[in-house]
């Protein structure tokens, strides 16, 4: 199943629009990835199960080195479904680690996230693109 072994892969796009240097950064059996987003600083933010929980990690696209942003015994993502998002990077939330955690909430807080987003238009825009 995808939640058992999903990988985060990236590639360069050549002048002929073909993928080149495709590579796996993180993920795979026992450490799957549920969501990935580009951060303002050019790194990737990924919800991975590397810690045994769906925690948020910052991943270097050049090396695949991953740093756990907030190690917690709770889920910050869930089963993968195309288009679902559990976090969104915030450009102006302070230090880079806080930028990522600005809107990352445990998976069980989805209702609270929707409620909060109804009051903060910028959060709604970050999650679903609507102004």
Protein backbone atom coordinates (compact mmCIF):
# COMPACT_ATOMS: atom_id res chain seq x y z
CA UNK A 1 0.00 0.00 0.00
CA UNK A 2 1.27 3.55 -0.65
CA UNK A 3 1.23 4.47 3.04
CA UNK A 4 3.72 1.65 3.68
CA UNK A 5 6.44 2.62 1.20
CA UNK A 6 5.76 5.91 -0.66
CA UNK A 7 8.92 7.75 -1.77
CA UNK A 8 9.73 11.41 -2.36
CA UNK A 9 11.47 11.59 -5.75
CA UNK A 10 12.69 14.60 -7.70
CA UNK A 11 14.33 15.06 -11.09
CA UNK A 12 15.78 17.81 -13.25
CA UNK A 13 13.89 18.76 -16.38
CA UNK A 14 16.13 18.91 -19.48
CA UNK A 15 15.84 21.22 -22.46
CA UNK A 16 13.91 18.49 -24.24
CA UNK A 17 11.43 18.45 -21.31
CA UNK A 18 12.51 14.98 -20.25
CA UNK A 19 13.35 14.07 -16.69
CA UNK A 20 17.04 13.70 -15.91
CA UNK A 21 18.84 12.58 -12.75
CA UNK A 22 15.66 11.22 -11.15
CA UNK A 23 16.42 10.31 -7.56
CA UNK A 24 14.72 9.27 -4.34
CA UNK A 25 15.33 11.69 -1.47
CA UNK A 26 13.45 10.02 1.39
CA UNK A 27 10.80 7.39 1.90
CA UNK A 28 10.40 3.77 1.05
CA UNK A 29 9.44 0.70 3.08
CA UNK A 30 9.05 1.58 6.76
CA UNK A 31 9.53 5.34 6.24
CA UNK A 32 6.88 6.46 3.71
CA UNK A 33 6.12 10.06 2.68
CA UNK A 34 2.55 11.44 2.74
CA UNK A 35 3.05 15.01 1.47
CA UNK A 36 5.88 17.22 0.23
CA UNK A 37 5.98 20.99 -0.35
CA UNK A 38 8.70 23.36 -1.50
CA UNK A 39 9.72 25.74 1.29
CA UNK A 40 10.58 29.40 0.60
CA UNK A 41 14.29 28.62 1.18
CA UNK A 42 14.39 25.98 -1.60
CA UNK A 43 14.33 22.93 0.66
CA UNK A 44 11.49 20.44 0.73
CA UNK A 45 9.13 19.94 3.64
CA UNK A 46 7.81 16.40 3.90
CA UNK A 47 5.48 14.54 6.19
CA UNK A 48 7.39 11.27 6.70
CA UNK A 49 6.98 8.32 9.00
CA UNK A 50 10.75 8.09 9.67
CA UNK A 51 10.20 8.52 13.43
CA UNK A 52 7.35 6.00 13.64
CA UNK A 53 4.87 8.89 13.49
CA UNK A 54 3.90 11.15 10.56
CA UNK A 55 6.19 14.02 11.61
CA UNK A 56 7.35 16.97 9.52
CA UNK A 57 10.89 16.96 8.08
CA UNK A 58 13.02 19.43 6.14
CA UNK A 59 14.77 17.65 3.24
CA UNK A 60 17.75 18.95 1.26
CA UNK A 61 16.98 18.40 -2.45
CA UNK A 62 20.68 18.05 -3.31
CA UNK A 63 21.49 15.29 -0.81
CA UNK A 64 18.26 13.92 0.64
CA UNK A 65 19.49 14.75 4.15
CA UNK A 66 16.40 15.03 6.34
CA UNK A 67 16.00 16.93 9.61
CA UNK A 68 12.97 16.32 11.84
CA UNK A 69 11.39 19.71 12.53
CA UNK A 70 9.22 18.67 15.45
CA UNK A 71 9.55 15.17 16.87
CA UNK A 72 6.25 14.26 18.48
CA UNK A 73 4.30 11.12 19.28
CA UNK A 74 1.41 12.33 17.13
CA UNK A 75 0.41 12.31 13.48
CA UNK A 76 0.91 15.40 11.31
CA UNK A 77 -0.41 13.61 8.21
CA UNK A 78 -2.45 10.56 7.30
CA UNK A 79 -3.27 8.17 4.51
CA UNK A 80 -2.33 9.56 1.12
CA UNK A 81 -5.07 10.70 -1.19
CA UNK A 82 -4.30 12.74 -4.26
CA UNK A 83 -4.61 16.44 -3.44
CA UNK A 84 -4.86 16.22 0.37
CA UNK A 85 -2.63 18.56 2.34
CA UNK A 86 -1.86 18.44 6.04
CA UNK A 87 0.51 21.41 6.16
CA UNK A 88 1.53 24.44 4.14
CA UNK A 89 4.75 26.45 4.46
CA UNK A 90 4.39 30.05 5.62
CA UNK A 91 6.89 32.50 4.17
CA UNK A 92 6.74 35.07 6.99
CA UNK A 93 6.51 32.95 10.14
CA UNK A 94 10.01 33.60 11.49
CA UNK A 95 12.89 31.09 11.48
CA UNK A 96 12.73 28.40 8.77
CA UNK A 97 11.62 25.64 11.14
CA UNK A 98 8.72 27.80 12.36
CA UNK A 99 7.80 28.60 8.76
CA UNK A 100 7.11 24.93 8.21
CA UNK A 101 5.31 24.37 11.50
CA UNK A 102 3.23 27.53 11.12
CA UNK A 103 0.23 25.59 9.90
CA UNK A 104 1.17 21.99 10.63
CA UNK A 105 -1.31 20.51 13.03
CA UNK A 106 -1.75 16.96 14.24
CA UNK A 107 -3.95 14.89 11.93
CA UNK A 108 -6.73 14.70 14.53
CA UNK A 109 -7.05 18.52 14.38
CA UNK A 110 -8.49 18.69 10.84
CA UNK A 111 -11.82 20.12 12.04
CA UNK A 112 -10.02 22.78 14.07
CA UNK A 113 -7.88 23.63 11.00
CA UNK A 114 -10.98 24.13 8.86
CA UNK A 115 -12.57 26.26 11.56
CA UNK A 116 -9.42 28.37 11.92
CA UNK A 117 -9.09 28.74 8.14
CA UNK A 118 -12.61 30.16 7.96
CA UNK A 119 -11.41 33.09 10.09
CA UNK A 120 -8.00 33.59 8.47
CA UNK A 121 -8.18 34.10 4.69
CA UNK A 122 -4.42 33.71 4.30
CA UNK A 123 -4.58 30.20 5.77
CA UNK A 124 -7.41 29.26 3.43
CA UNK A 125 -5.37 30.54 0.48
CA UNK A 126 -2.33 28.56 1.63
CA UNK A 127 -4.36 25.36 1.78
CA UNK A 128 -6.67 25.52 -1.19
CA UNK A 129 -5.58 28.49 -3.33
CA UNK A 130 -8.78 30.51 -2.92
CA UNK A 131 -8.50 34.18 -1.87
